[in-house]
């Protein structure tokens, strides 16, 4: 019984990581597709922007492992890449930490992806 529980927990963790990687890959493909088609920018609903902001933040932190990144830098990156404006990174971070537990808050305003 315990072995099955451990197996299911490990499987769930692997699936969650795969989902994150697929979402990041989807984001990259969408960027390339929009560049190729050169479409006019469409209005994106707020929920989709928030999901994009979460994926972009995870991608940014994962691309710089073991490096402290300021929340201001993350927010500026979100504004530059997907035009997402918010005052606080804390609400996004709460969701990120549920999805990717390796991303931690080192001290107030600083975040890190630990390998």
Protein backbone atom coordinates (compact mmCIF):
# COMPACT_ATOMS: atom_id res chain seq x y z
CA UNK A 1 0.00 0.00 0.00
CA UNK A 2 2.80 2.44 0.90
CA UNK A 3 4.70 1.49 -2.26
CA UNK A 4 1.68 2.30 -4.39
CA UNK A 5 1.24 5.65 -2.63
CA UNK A 6 4.91 6.53 -3.20
CA UNK A 7 4.66 5.43 -6.83
CA UNK A 8 1.58 7.59 -7.42
CA UNK A 9 3.19 10.62 -5.77
CA UNK A 10 6.31 10.27 -7.91
CA UNK A 11 4.22 9.81 -11.04
CA UNK A 12 2.18 12.91 -10.22
CA UNK A 13 5.38 14.94 -9.73
CA UNK A 14 6.71 13.78 -13.11
CA UNK A 15 3.44 14.66 -14.82
CA UNK A 16 3.43 18.15 -13.26
CA UNK A 17 6.98 18.79 -14.49
CA UNK A 18 6.05 17.54 -17.96
CA UNK A 19 3.06 19.89 -18.03
CA UNK A 20 5.30 22.86 -17.21
CA UNK A 21 7.76 21.92 -19.93
CA UNK A 22 4.93 21.49 -22.44
CA UNK A 23 3.48 24.87 -21.51
CA UNK A 24 6.89 26.52 -21.99
CA UNK A 25 7.31 24.76 -25.34
CA UNK A 26 3.81 25.87 -26.36
CA UNK A 27 4.71 29.44 -25.47
CA UNK A 28 7.84 29.28 -27.64
CA UNK A 29 5.91 27.87 -30.58
CA UNK A 30 3.23 30.53 -30.29
CA UNK A 31 5.89 33.25 -30.31
CA UNK A 32 7.47 31.85 -33.45
CA UNK A 33 4.11 31.43 -35.13
CA UNK A 34 3.08 35.01 -34.46
CA UNK A 35 6.41 36.25 -35.80
CA UNK A 36 5.94 34.25 -38.98
CA UNK A 37 2.35 35.29 -39.55
CA UNK A 38 2.93 38.90 -38.49
CA UNK A 39 -0.61 39.20 -37.21
CA UNK A 40 -1.98 42.27 -35.56
CA UNK A 41 -1.96 41.96 -31.80
CA UNK A 42 -5.24 40.69 -30.46
CA UNK A 43 -6.66 41.51 -27.05
CA UNK A 44 -5.85 38.67 -24.65
CA UNK A 45 -8.09 38.00 -21.69
CA UNK A 46 -6.67 38.72 -18.25
CA UNK A 47 -6.69 35.03 -17.16
CA UNK A 48 -4.61 34.02 -20.16
CA UNK A 49 -2.17 36.84 -19.48
CA UNK A 50 -1.78 35.65 -15.91
CA UNK A 51 -1.09 32.09 -17.07
CA UNK A 52 1.45 33.42 -19.54
CA UNK A 53 3.04 35.47 -16.77
CA UNK A 54 3.35 32.38 -14.58
CA UNK A 55 4.92 30.34 -17.39
CA UNK A 56 7.27 33.17 -18.35
CA UNK A 57 8.34 33.67 -14.72
CA UNK A 58 9.06 29.95 -14.32
CA UNK A 59 11.02 29.97 -17.58
CA UNK A 60 13.06 32.98 -16.48
CA UNK A 61 13.90 31.52 -13.07
CA UNK A 62 14.67 28.07 -14.49
CA UNK A 63 16.97 29.53 -17.14
CA UNK A 64 19.14 31.04 -14.37
CA UNK A 65 19.49 28.25 -11.76
CA UNK A 66 21.00 29.12 -8.37
CA UNK A 67 20.94 32.85 -9.20
CA UNK A 68 18.99 35.33 -7.08
CA UNK A 69 16.63 37.40 -9.19
CA UNK A 70 14.86 40.51 -7.92
CA UNK A 71 11.10 40.66 -8.18
CA UNK A 72 11.44 44.03 -9.92
CA UNK A 73 13.53 42.38 -12.65
CA UNK A 74 10.94 39.63 -13.07
CA UNK A 75 8.12 42.17 -13.31
CA UNK A 76 10.09 44.19 -15.87
CA UNK A 77 10.73 41.02 -17.86
CA UNK A 78 6.99 40.24 -17.84
CA UNK A 79 6.18 43.77 -18.99
CA UNK A 80 8.72 43.60 -21.82
CA UNK A 81 7.89 40.13 -23.10
CA UNK A 82 4.12 39.70 -22.72
CA UNK A 83 3.01 43.22 -21.75
CA UNK A 84 1.75 42.07 -18.33
CA UNK A 85 1.57 44.82 -15.73
CA UNK A 86 1.18 44.14 -12.04
CA UNK A 87 2.34 45.85 -8.87
CA UNK A 88 3.23 42.75 -6.91
CA UNK A 89 4.96 39.49 -7.80
CA UNK A 90 3.66 37.83 -4.62
CA UNK A 91 0.34 36.72 -6.09
CA UNK A 92 2.08 35.13 -9.07
CA UNK A 93 4.70 33.56 -6.81
CA UNK A 94 2.09 31.74 -4.71
CA UNK A 95 0.85 29.96 -7.82
CA UNK A 96 4.36 29.33 -9.10
CA UNK A 97 5.42 27.69 -5.85
CA UNK A 98 2.50 25.25 -6.04
CA UNK A 99 3.50 24.27 -9.57
CA UNK A 100 7.30 24.37 -9.17
CA UNK A 101 8.44 23.77 -5.56
CA UNK A 102 12.13 24.30 -6.46
CA UNK A 103 11.50 28.04 -6.84
CA UNK A 104 11.91 29.68 -3.46
CA UNK A 105 11.93 33.12 -1.96
CA UNK A 106 15.42 33.73 -0.59
CA UNK A 107 14.57 36.97 1.15
CA UNK A 108 12.07 39.73 0.61
CA UNK A 109 11.99 40.56 -3.08
CA UNK A 110 14.53 37.92 -4.19
CA UNK A 111 13.72 34.56 -5.77
CA UNK A 112 15.83 31.60 -6.80
CA UNK A 113 15.48 28.31 -8.66
CA UNK A 114 17.41 25.65 -6.76
CA UNK A 115 18.49 22.55 -8.62
